[in-house]
Amino acid sequence: MRCQLDLVHQTSQRWRFRLTGPLAVPWDILLDHLHQFFPLHSWSVRINPSASSLVIQSLNCIPSLPSRSSYVYQGVSKQLHQLGFDVSVLPLSPVVVIHDRNTFSFSLGSNVLNTLFNGISICLSLSLLFTSGIVFIISFFGLFLPLSPGIWLMILATSLLEMAISVRRPFVL
């Protein structure tokens, strides 16, 4: 059977993989095979069958391995291959950062414009928020007075609050 082994998360001593594809994995047998490849005195192996994921953690720092990530990946793929699953044995590529917000690759003009629009949206959002609060307080008292538009003011206050949130939405991740 063909399956894909994806590295979801990695630290210096911990790797979390997810198996994807049409799988009927015998998780107990896989755990036994992984315990044989990764001894219990220096490795910790945890499997979550409902999420189709497995976590391998190095308990000791292993300085003798030049690339622990590829060692762990190839170990897991070898054990899956012994169970009859076809997994690519290519080593893992280094982590690729898709979007790094700390790079200063933007020009000075776009940074200034972005900062200016961000400041304008903050001012507009705060003024809409305070206006919404004042209209809400007035409408609350207007609900108890006869022939006053209390409910309509409540609807206006709610729409002002929604507008204040939508003004800030493009600038908040």
N, C-alpha and C. Protein backbone atom coordinates (compact mmCIF):
# COMPACT_ATOMS: atom_id res chain seq x y z
N MET A 1 0.83 -1.18 0.00
CA MET A 1 0.00 0.00 0.00
C MET A 1 0.88 1.24 0.00
N ARG A 2 0.37 2.27 -0.62
CA ARG A 2 1.12 3.52 -0.71
C ARG A 2 0.62 4.47 0.38
N CYS A 3 1.55 5.06 1.10
CA CYS A 3 1.19 6.05 2.11
C CYS A 3 2.24 7.15 2.11
N GLN A 4 1.92 8.23 2.75
CA GLN A 4 2.83 9.36 2.81
C GLN A 4 3.14 9.66 4.27
N LEU A 5 4.41 9.85 4.55
CA LEU A 5 4.87 10.16 5.89
C LEU A 5 5.28 11.63 5.92
N ASP A 6 4.49 12.45 6.63
CA ASP A 6 4.74 13.88 6.68
C ASP A 6 5.30 14.27 8.04
N LEU A 7 6.35 15.06 8.03
CA LEU A 7 6.91 15.62 9.26
C LEU A 7 6.09 16.86 9.60
N VAL A 8 5.33 16.77 10.69
CA VAL A 8 4.44 17.86 11.06
C VAL A 8 5.17 18.89 11.90
N HIS A 9 5.96 18.41 12.86
CA HIS A 9 6.64 19.31 13.79
C HIS A 9 7.95 18.68 14.20
N GLN A 10 8.95 19.52 14.43
CA GLN A 10 10.25 19.00 14.82
C GLN A 10 10.94 19.99 15.74
N THR A 11 11.57 19.46 16.77
CA THR A 11 12.49 20.23 17.60
C THR A 11 13.84 19.52 17.52
N SER A 12 14.77 19.91 18.35
CA SER A 12 16.08 19.29 18.27
C SER A 12 16.07 17.83 18.73
N GLN A 13 15.12 17.46 19.59
CA GLN A 13 15.07 16.08 20.08
C GLN A 13 13.69 15.44 19.96
N ARG A 14 12.79 16.03 19.18
CA ARG A 14 11.44 15.49 19.08
C ARG A 14 10.93 15.66 17.65
N TRP A 15 10.29 14.60 17.12
CA TRP A 15 9.76 14.60 15.76
C TRP A 15 8.34 14.07 15.79
N ARG A 16 7.42 14.78 15.15
CA ARG A 16 6.03 14.32 15.06
C ARG A 16 5.70 14.11 13.60
N PHE A 17 5.28 12.89 13.26
CA PHE A 17 4.95 12.51 11.90
C PHE A 17 3.46 12.21 11.81
N ARG A 18 2.91 12.39 10.61
CA ARG A 18 1.53 12.02 10.33
C ARG A 18 1.52 11.14 9.09
N LEU A 19 0.81 10.04 9.18
CA LEU A 19 0.64 9.13 8.04
C LEU A 19 -0.64 9.50 7.31
N THR A 20 -0.51 9.71 6.00
CA THR A 20 -1.70 10.03 5.20
C THR A 20 -1.80 9.04 4.06
N GLY A 21 -3.00 8.88 3.59
CA GLY A 21 -3.25 7.94 2.51
C GLY A 21 -4.27 6.90 2.94
N PRO A 22 -4.65 5.99 2.06
CA PRO A 22 -5.59 4.93 2.44
C PRO A 22 -4.88 3.91 3.33
N LEU A 23 -5.08 4.06 4.63
CA LEU A 23 -4.30 3.25 5.59
C LEU A 23 -5.17 2.32 6.41
N ALA A 24 -4.65 1.16 6.64
CA ALA A 24 -5.16 0.23 7.64
C ALA A 24 -3.92 -0.28 8.38
N VAL A 25 -3.36 0.60 9.19
CA VAL A 25 -2.07 0.32 9.83
C VAL A 25 -2.28 -0.52 11.08
N PRO A 26 -1.55 -1.62 11.22
CA PRO A 26 -1.56 -2.36 12.49
C PRO A 26 -0.67 -1.60 13.49
N TRP A 27 -1.29 -0.72 14.29
CA TRP A 27 -0.53 0.20 15.13
C TRP A 27 0.28 -0.52 16.20
N ASP A 28 -0.24 -1.61 16.75
CA ASP A 28 0.50 -2.35 17.78
C ASP A 28 1.78 -2.98 17.21
N ILE A 29 1.65 -3.54 16.02
CA ILE A 29 2.83 -4.14 15.39
C ILE A 29 3.83 -3.06 15.00
N LEU A 30 3.34 -1.93 14.50
CA LEU A 30 4.23 -0.82 14.17
C LEU A 30 4.95 -0.32 15.40
N LEU A 31 4.25 -0.24 16.53
CA LEU A 31 4.89 0.20 17.78
C LEU A 31 5.99 -0.76 18.21
N ASP A 32 5.74 -2.06 18.07
CA ASP A 32 6.77 -3.06 18.40
C ASP A 32 7.99 -2.92 17.49
N HIS A 33 7.75 -2.72 16.19
CA HIS A 33 8.87 -2.54 15.25
C HIS A 33 9.66 -1.27 15.56
N LEU A 34 8.94 -0.22 15.92
CA LEU A 34 9.63 1.04 16.24
C LEU A 34 10.43 0.92 17.53
N HIS A 35 9.91 0.16 18.49
CA HIS A 35 10.67 -0.05 19.74
C HIS A 35 11.93 -0.87 19.49
N GLN A 36 11.90 -1.76 18.50
CA GLN A 36 13.11 -2.50 18.16
C GLN A 36 14.14 -1.60 17.49
N PHE A 37 13.67 -0.68 16.64
CA PHE A 37 14.60 0.20 15.94
C PHE A 37 15.09 1.33 16.84
N PHE A 38 14.19 1.88 17.65
CA PHE A 38 14.53 2.95 18.60
C PHE A 38 14.44 2.36 20.02
N PRO A 39 15.57 1.96 20.62
CA PRO A 39 15.54 1.32 21.93
C PRO A 39 14.92 2.22 23.00
N LEU A 40 14.25 1.58 23.96
CA LEU A 40 13.51 2.31 24.98
C LEU A 40 14.41 3.12 25.92
N HIS A 41 15.66 2.71 26.08
CA HIS A 41 16.52 3.43 27.02
C HIS A 41 16.99 4.78 26.48
N SER A 42 16.91 5.00 25.16
CA SER A 42 17.36 6.27 24.62
C SER A 42 16.32 6.97 23.73
N TRP A 43 15.17 6.32 23.47
CA TRP A 43 14.14 6.90 22.64
C TRP A 43 12.77 6.70 23.28
N SER A 44 11.88 7.61 23.02
CA SER A 44 10.48 7.47 23.44
C SER A 44 9.62 7.51 22.18
N VAL A 45 8.74 6.52 22.03
CA VAL A 45 7.87 6.44 20.86
C VAL A 45 6.43 6.42 21.34
N ARG A 46 5.63 7.38 20.81
CA ARG A 46 4.20 7.42 21.13
C ARG A 46 3.42 7.43 19.84
N ILE A 47 2.31 6.70 19.83
CA ILE A 47 1.47 6.59 18.63
C ILE A 47 0.05 7.00 19.00
N ASN A 48 -0.57 7.78 18.11
CA ASN A 48 -1.96 8.17 18.26
C ASN A 48 -2.71 7.65 17.03
N PRO A 49 -3.34 6.48 17.15
CA PRO A 49 -4.01 5.89 15.98
C PRO A 49 -5.18 6.73 15.45
N SER A 50 -5.89 7.43 16.33
CA SER A 50 -7.04 8.21 15.86
C SER A 50 -6.61 9.40 15.00
N ALA A 51 -5.41 9.94 15.25
CA ALA A 51 -4.91 11.06 14.45
C ALA A 51 -3.91 10.60 13.39
N SER A 52 -3.64 9.30 13.34
CA SER A 52 -2.64 8.72 12.42
C SER A 52 -1.30 9.43 12.55
N SER A 53 -0.89 9.64 13.79
CA SER A 53 0.39 10.34 14.01
C SER A 53 1.23 9.56 14.99
N LEU A 54 2.52 9.82 14.90
CA LEU A 54 3.45 9.22 15.84
C LEU A 54 4.51 10.24 16.21
N VAL A 55 4.93 10.17 17.48
CA VAL A 55 5.91 11.10 18.03
C VAL A 55 7.11 10.29 18.48
N ILE A 56 8.28 10.71 18.04
CA ILE A 56 9.53 10.06 18.44
C ILE A 56 10.38 11.12 19.11
N GLN A 57 10.83 10.79 20.32
CA GLN A 57 11.61 11.74 21.10
C GLN A 57 12.90 11.09 21.55
N SER A 58 13.98 11.83 21.38
CA SER A 58 15.29 11.35 21.82
C SER A 58 15.44 11.70 23.30
N LEU A 59 15.66 10.69 24.13
CA LEU A 59 15.83 10.94 25.56
C LEU A 59 17.24 11.37 25.90
N ASN A 60 18.19 10.92 25.12
CA ASN A 60 19.60 11.29 25.31
C ASN A 60 20.04 12.11 24.12
N CYS A 61 20.96 13.00 24.34
CA CYS A 61 21.53 13.73 23.22
C CYS A 61 22.47 12.78 22.49
N ILE A 62 22.25 12.63 21.19
CA ILE A 62 23.03 11.67 20.41
C ILE A 62 23.98 12.46 19.52
N PRO A 63 25.20 12.70 19.96
CA PRO A 63 26.10 13.50 19.13
C PRO A 63 26.71 12.73 17.97
N SER A 64 26.62 11.39 17.98
CA SER A 64 27.28 10.60 16.95
C SER A 64 26.55 10.64 15.61
N LEU A 65 25.28 11.04 15.61
CA LEU A 65 24.52 11.08 14.37
C LEU A 65 24.65 12.47 13.74
N PRO A 66 25.10 12.54 12.49
CA PRO A 66 25.23 13.87 11.87
C PRO A 66 23.88 14.51 11.56
N SER A 67 22.91 13.71 11.13
CA SER A 67 21.59 14.25 10.82
C SER A 67 20.55 13.37 11.50
N ARG A 68 20.14 13.79 12.68
CA ARG A 68 19.17 12.98 13.43
C ARG A 68 17.81 12.96 12.74
N SER A 69 17.44 14.05 12.07
CA SER A 69 16.13 14.08 11.41
C SER A 69 16.03 13.04 10.32
N SER A 70 17.06 12.95 9.49
CA SER A 70 17.00 11.95 8.43
C SER A 70 17.11 10.53 9.00
N TYR A 71 17.85 10.36 10.10
CA TYR A 71 17.94 9.05 10.76
C TYR A 71 16.56 8.61 11.26
N VAL A 72 15.85 9.52 11.91
CA VAL A 72 14.52 9.20 12.43
C VAL A 72 13.55 8.94 11.29
N TYR A 73 13.57 9.81 10.26
CA TYR A 73 12.66 9.63 9.13
C TYR A 73 12.91 8.30 8.42
N GLN A 74 14.17 7.98 8.18
CA GLN A 74 14.46 6.73 7.49
C GLN A 74 14.16 5.52 8.36
N GLY A 75 14.32 5.67 9.68
CA GLY A 75 13.95 4.58 10.58
C GLY A 75 12.47 4.29 10.56
N VAL A 76 11.66 5.33 10.60
CA VAL A 76 10.22 5.15 10.57
C VAL A 76 9.77 4.60 9.22
N SER A 77 10.33 5.16 8.13
CA SER A 77 9.93 4.67 6.81
C SER A 77 10.38 3.23 6.59
N LYS A 78 11.52 2.84 7.17
CA LYS A 78 11.98 1.45 7.05
C LYS A 78 11.03 0.50 7.78
N GLN A 79 10.56 0.91 8.94
CA GLN A 79 9.63 0.05 9.69
C GLN A 79 8.28 -0.03 8.97
N LEU A 80 7.85 1.05 8.37
CA LEU A 80 6.61 0.99 7.59
C LEU A 80 6.78 0.12 6.35
N HIS A 81 7.96 0.18 5.75
CA HIS A 81 8.23 -0.65 4.57
C HIS A 81 8.22 -2.13 4.94
N GLN A 82 8.71 -2.47 6.14
CA GLN A 82 8.67 -3.87 6.58
C GLN A 82 7.24 -4.35 6.79
N LEU A 83 6.33 -3.42 7.09
CA LEU A 83 4.92 -3.79 7.25
C LEU A 83 4.17 -3.83 5.93
N GLY A 84 4.83 -3.46 4.82
CA GLY A 84 4.22 -3.55 3.51
C GLY A 84 3.72 -2.23 2.95
N PHE A 85 4.11 -1.14 3.55
CA PHE A 85 3.70 0.17 3.05
C PHE A 85 4.82 0.77 2.23
N ASP A 86 4.47 1.39 1.11
CA ASP A 86 5.45 2.06 0.26
C ASP A 86 5.57 3.51 0.71
N VAL A 87 6.71 3.84 1.27
CA VAL A 87 6.99 5.20 1.73
C VAL A 87 8.25 5.66 1.04
N SER A 88 8.26 6.89 0.60
CA SER A 88 9.45 7.44 -0.04
C SER A 88 10.60 7.46 0.97
N VAL A 89 11.77 7.01 0.57
CA VAL A 89 12.91 6.98 1.48
C VAL A 89 13.86 8.14 1.22
N LEU A 90 13.36 9.16 0.53
CA LEU A 90 14.17 10.35 0.32
C LEU A 90 14.36 11.07 1.65
N PRO A 91 15.53 11.60 1.90
CA PRO A 91 15.72 12.32 3.15
C PRO A 91 14.89 13.59 3.18
N LEU A 92 14.64 14.07 4.38
CA LEU A 92 13.82 15.26 4.53
C LEU A 92 14.57 16.49 4.03
N SER A 93 13.82 17.38 3.42
CA SER A 93 14.42 18.64 3.02
C SER A 93 14.43 19.57 4.23
N PRO A 94 15.31 20.55 4.23
CA PRO A 94 15.30 21.48 5.35
C PRO A 94 13.98 22.24 5.42
N VAL A 95 13.68 22.75 6.59
CA VAL A 95 12.42 23.46 6.79
C VAL A 95 12.40 24.70 5.92
N VAL A 96 11.29 24.90 5.24
CA VAL A 96 11.14 26.05 4.36
C VAL A 96 10.19 27.02 5.02
N VAL A 97 10.61 28.26 5.20
CA VAL A 97 9.76 29.29 5.76
C VAL A 97 9.05 29.98 4.60
N ILE A 98 7.73 29.90 4.61
CA ILE A 98 6.97 30.45 3.50
C ILE A 98 6.85 31.96 3.63
N HIS A 99 6.57 32.45 4.82
CA HIS A 99 6.38 33.88 5.00
C HIS A 99 7.04 34.28 6.30
N ASP A 100 8.07 35.07 6.22
CA ASP A 100 8.78 35.53 7.41
C ASP A 100 8.51 37.01 7.56
N ARG A 101 7.87 37.37 8.66
CA ARG A 101 7.49 38.77 8.87
C ARG A 101 8.66 39.62 9.35
N ASN A 102 9.80 39.01 9.71
CA ASN A 102 10.91 39.77 10.23
C ASN A 102 11.89 40.22 9.15
N THR A 103 11.66 39.86 7.92
CA THR A 103 12.58 40.28 6.87
C THR A 103 12.24 41.70 6.46
N PHE A 104 13.25 42.45 6.09
CA PHE A 104 13.07 43.83 5.69
C PHE A 104 13.25 43.96 4.19
N SER A 105 12.54 43.14 3.44
CA SER A 105 12.67 43.16 1.99
C SER A 105 11.75 44.20 1.35
N PHE A 106 10.87 44.79 2.13
CA PHE A 106 9.97 45.80 1.58
C PHE A 106 10.72 47.12 1.42
N SER A 107 10.24 47.91 0.50
CA SER A 107 10.86 49.23 0.33
C SER A 107 10.38 50.15 1.44
N LEU A 108 11.07 51.24 1.60
CA LEU A 108 10.73 52.20 2.65
C LEU A 108 9.34 52.77 2.43
N GLY A 109 8.97 53.00 1.17
CA GLY A 109 7.65 53.56 0.87
C GLY A 109 6.50 52.66 1.28
N SER A 110 6.63 51.38 1.02
CA SER A 110 5.53 50.47 1.38
C SER A 110 5.44 50.32 2.90
N ASN A 111 6.58 50.35 3.61
CA ASN A 111 6.53 50.29 5.07
C ASN A 111 5.85 51.52 5.64
N VAL A 112 6.16 52.68 5.08
CA VAL A 112 5.56 53.92 5.57
C VAL A 112 4.06 53.92 5.29
N LEU A 113 3.67 53.49 4.08
CA LEU A 113 2.25 53.43 3.75
C LEU A 113 1.51 52.42 4.62
N ASN A 114 2.11 51.27 4.84
CA ASN A 114 1.48 50.26 5.68
C ASN A 114 1.30 50.78 7.11
N THR A 115 2.32 51.45 7.63
CA THR A 115 2.23 52.02 8.98
C THR A 115 1.17 53.11 9.03
N LEU A 116 1.11 53.93 8.00
CA LEU A 116 0.12 55.02 7.95
C LEU A 116 -1.30 54.46 7.92
N PHE A 117 -1.55 53.48 7.05
CA PHE A 117 -2.89 52.88 6.97
C PHE A 117 -3.24 52.13 8.25
N ASN A 118 -2.25 51.51 8.87
CA ASN A 118 -2.50 50.82 10.13
C ASN A 118 -2.90 51.82 11.21
N GLY A 119 -2.22 52.96 11.29
CA GLY A 119 -2.57 53.99 12.27
C GLY A 119 -3.94 54.58 12.00
N ILE A 120 -4.26 54.82 10.73
CA ILE A 120 -5.59 55.36 10.40
C ILE A 120 -6.68 54.35 10.77
N SER A 121 -6.44 53.06 10.52
CA SER A 121 -7.46 52.06 10.86
C SER A 121 -7.61 51.91 12.36
N ILE A 122 -6.53 52.09 13.12
CA ILE A 122 -6.64 52.06 14.59
C ILE A 122 -7.50 53.22 15.07
N CYS A 123 -7.23 54.42 14.57
CA CYS A 123 -8.01 55.59 14.98
C CYS A 123 -9.48 55.43 14.62
N LEU A 124 -9.74 54.99 13.39
CA LEU A 124 -11.12 54.82 12.96
C LEU A 124 -11.82 53.73 13.76
N SER A 125 -11.11 52.64 14.02
CA SER A 125 -11.70 51.54 14.78
C SER A 125 -12.01 51.96 16.22
N LEU A 126 -11.10 52.68 16.85
CA LEU A 126 -11.35 53.13 18.22
C LEU A 126 -12.48 54.15 18.27
N SER A 127 -12.55 55.05 17.30
CA SER A 127 -13.64 56.02 17.31
C SER A 127 -14.99 55.33 17.08
N LEU A 128 -15.02 54.33 16.19
CA LEU A 128 -16.26 53.57 16.00
C LEU A 128 -16.63 52.78 17.26
N LEU A 129 -15.63 52.25 17.95
CA LEU A 129 -15.88 51.50 19.17
C LEU A 129 -16.45 52.40 20.27
N PHE A 130 -15.87 53.59 20.46
CA PHE A 130 -16.38 54.50 21.48
C PHE A 130 -17.77 55.02 21.10
N THR A 131 -17.99 55.30 19.84
CA THR A 131 -19.31 55.73 19.39
C THR A 131 -20.34 54.63 19.61
N SER A 132 -19.95 53.41 19.35
CA SER A 132 -20.84 52.28 19.58
C SER A 132 -21.19 52.16 21.06
N GLY A 133 -20.19 52.35 21.91
CA GLY A 133 -20.46 52.29 23.35
C GLY A 133 -21.41 53.37 23.82
N ILE A 134 -21.23 54.59 23.32
CA ILE A 134 -22.11 55.70 23.70
C ILE A 134 -23.52 55.46 23.19
N VAL A 135 -23.65 55.01 21.94
CA VAL A 135 -24.97 54.72 21.37
C VAL A 135 -25.63 53.58 22.13
N PHE A 136 -24.85 52.59 22.57
CA PHE A 136 -25.42 51.48 23.33
C PHE A 136 -25.96 51.97 24.68
N ILE A 137 -25.23 52.84 25.36
CA ILE A 137 -25.69 53.35 26.65
C ILE A 137 -26.97 54.17 26.47
N ILE A 138 -26.99 55.01 25.43
CA ILE A 138 -28.20 55.81 25.17
C ILE A 138 -29.37 54.90 24.82
N SER A 139 -29.12 53.87 24.02
CA SER A 139 -30.22 52.97 23.63
C SER A 139 -30.70 52.13 24.79
N PHE A 140 -29.83 51.83 25.75
CA PHE A 140 -30.24 51.06 26.92
C PHE A 140 -31.25 51.85 27.73
N PHE A 141 -30.97 53.14 27.92
CA PHE A 141 -31.95 53.97 28.63
C PHE A 141 -33.18 54.21 27.76
N GLY A 142 -32.99 54.25 26.46
CA GLY A 142 -34.11 54.45 25.55
C GLY A 142 -35.06 53.27 25.51
N LEU A 143 -34.61 52.09 25.89
CA LEU A 143 -35.51 50.94 25.93
C LEU A 143 -36.59 51.10 26.99
N PHE A 144 -36.31 51.85 28.06
CA PHE A 144 -37.27 51.99 29.16
C PHE A 144 -38.20 53.19 28.99
N LEU A 145 -37.88 54.08 28.07
CA LEU A 145 -38.73 55.24 27.84
C LEU A 145 -39.76 54.93 26.75
N PRO A 146 -40.98 55.34 26.96
CA PRO A 146 -41.98 55.08 25.91
C PRO A 146 -41.73 55.96 24.70
N LEU A 147 -42.04 55.46 23.53
CA LEU A 147 -41.94 56.14 22.25
C LEU A 147 -40.51 56.60 21.93
N SER A 148 -39.53 55.86 22.39
CA SER A 148 -38.13 56.19 22.05
C SER A 148 -37.57 55.06 21.19
N PRO A 149 -36.62 55.40 20.32
CA PRO A 149 -36.09 54.38 19.39
C PRO A 149 -34.96 53.56 20.01
N GLY A 150 -35.20 52.96 21.16
CA GLY A 150 -34.15 52.22 21.86
C GLY A 150 -33.65 51.01 21.11
N ILE A 151 -34.56 50.24 20.54
CA ILE A 151 -34.14 49.03 19.83
C ILE A 151 -33.37 49.37 18.56
N TRP A 152 -33.79 50.46 17.89
CA TRP A 152 -33.08 50.86 16.67
C TRP A 152 -31.68 51.38 16.98
N LEU A 153 -31.55 52.02 18.11
CA LEU A 153 -30.22 52.48 18.53
C LEU A 153 -29.33 51.29 18.91
N MET A 154 -29.94 50.25 19.48
CA MET A 154 -29.17 49.02 19.79
C MET A 154 -28.65 48.39 18.51
N ILE A 155 -29.48 48.34 17.49
CA ILE A 155 -29.06 47.78 16.20
C ILE A 155 -27.96 48.63 15.59
N LEU A 156 -28.07 49.96 15.72
CA LEU A 156 -27.03 50.86 15.22
C LEU A 156 -25.72 50.64 15.98
N ALA A 157 -25.80 50.47 17.32
CA ALA A 157 -24.60 50.23 18.12
C ALA A 157 -23.93 48.91 17.73
N THR A 158 -24.73 47.90 17.46
CA THR A 158 -24.17 46.61 17.04
C THR A 158 -23.49 46.72 15.69
N SER A 159 -24.11 47.44 14.77
CA SER A 159 -23.49 47.58 13.44
C SER A 159 -22.22 48.43 13.52
N LEU A 160 -22.17 49.42 14.41
CA LEU A 160 -20.94 50.20 14.60
C LEU A 160 -19.82 49.32 15.17
N LEU A 161 -20.18 48.44 16.09
CA LEU A 161 -19.19 47.52 16.65
C LEU A 161 -18.66 46.58 15.58
N GLU A 162 -19.53 46.04 14.75
CA GLU A 162 -19.10 45.17 13.65
C GLU A 162 -18.22 45.91 12.66
N MET A 163 -18.53 47.17 12.40
CA MET A 163 -17.72 47.96 11.50
C MET A 163 -16.34 48.24 12.09
N ALA A 164 -16.28 48.47 13.41
CA ALA A 164 -14.99 48.68 14.06
C ALA A 164 -14.11 47.44 13.97
N ILE A 165 -14.70 46.28 14.09
CA ILE A 165 -13.94 45.03 13.97
C ILE A 165 -13.48 44.81 12.54
N SER A 166 -14.37 45.07 11.57
CA SER A 166 -14.00 44.82 10.18
C SER A 166 -12.96 45.80 9.66
N VAL A 167 -12.88 47.00 10.24
CA VAL A 167 -11.84 47.96 9.84
C VAL A 167 -10.46 47.45 10.24
N ARG A 168 -10.35 46.77 11.38
CA ARG A 168 -9.06 46.28 11.87
C ARG A 168 -8.67 44.92 11.31
N ARG A 169 -9.62 44.19 10.74
CA ARG A 169 -9.36 42.82 10.31
C ARG A 169 -8.19 42.67 9.31
N PRO A 170 -8.01 43.54 8.32
CA PRO A 170 -6.87 43.34 7.39
C PRO A 170 -5.50 43.52 8.04
N PHE A 171 -5.44 44.20 9.19
CA PHE A 171 -4.16 44.47 9.82
C PHE A 171 -3.81 43.51 10.95
N VAL A 172 -4.75 42.65 11.33
CA VAL A 172 -4.53 41.71 12.42
C VAL A 172 -4.41 40.32 11.84
N LEU A 173 -3.35 39.59 12.21
CA LEU A 173 -3.16 38.23 11.69
C LEU A 173 -3.97 37.25 12.46
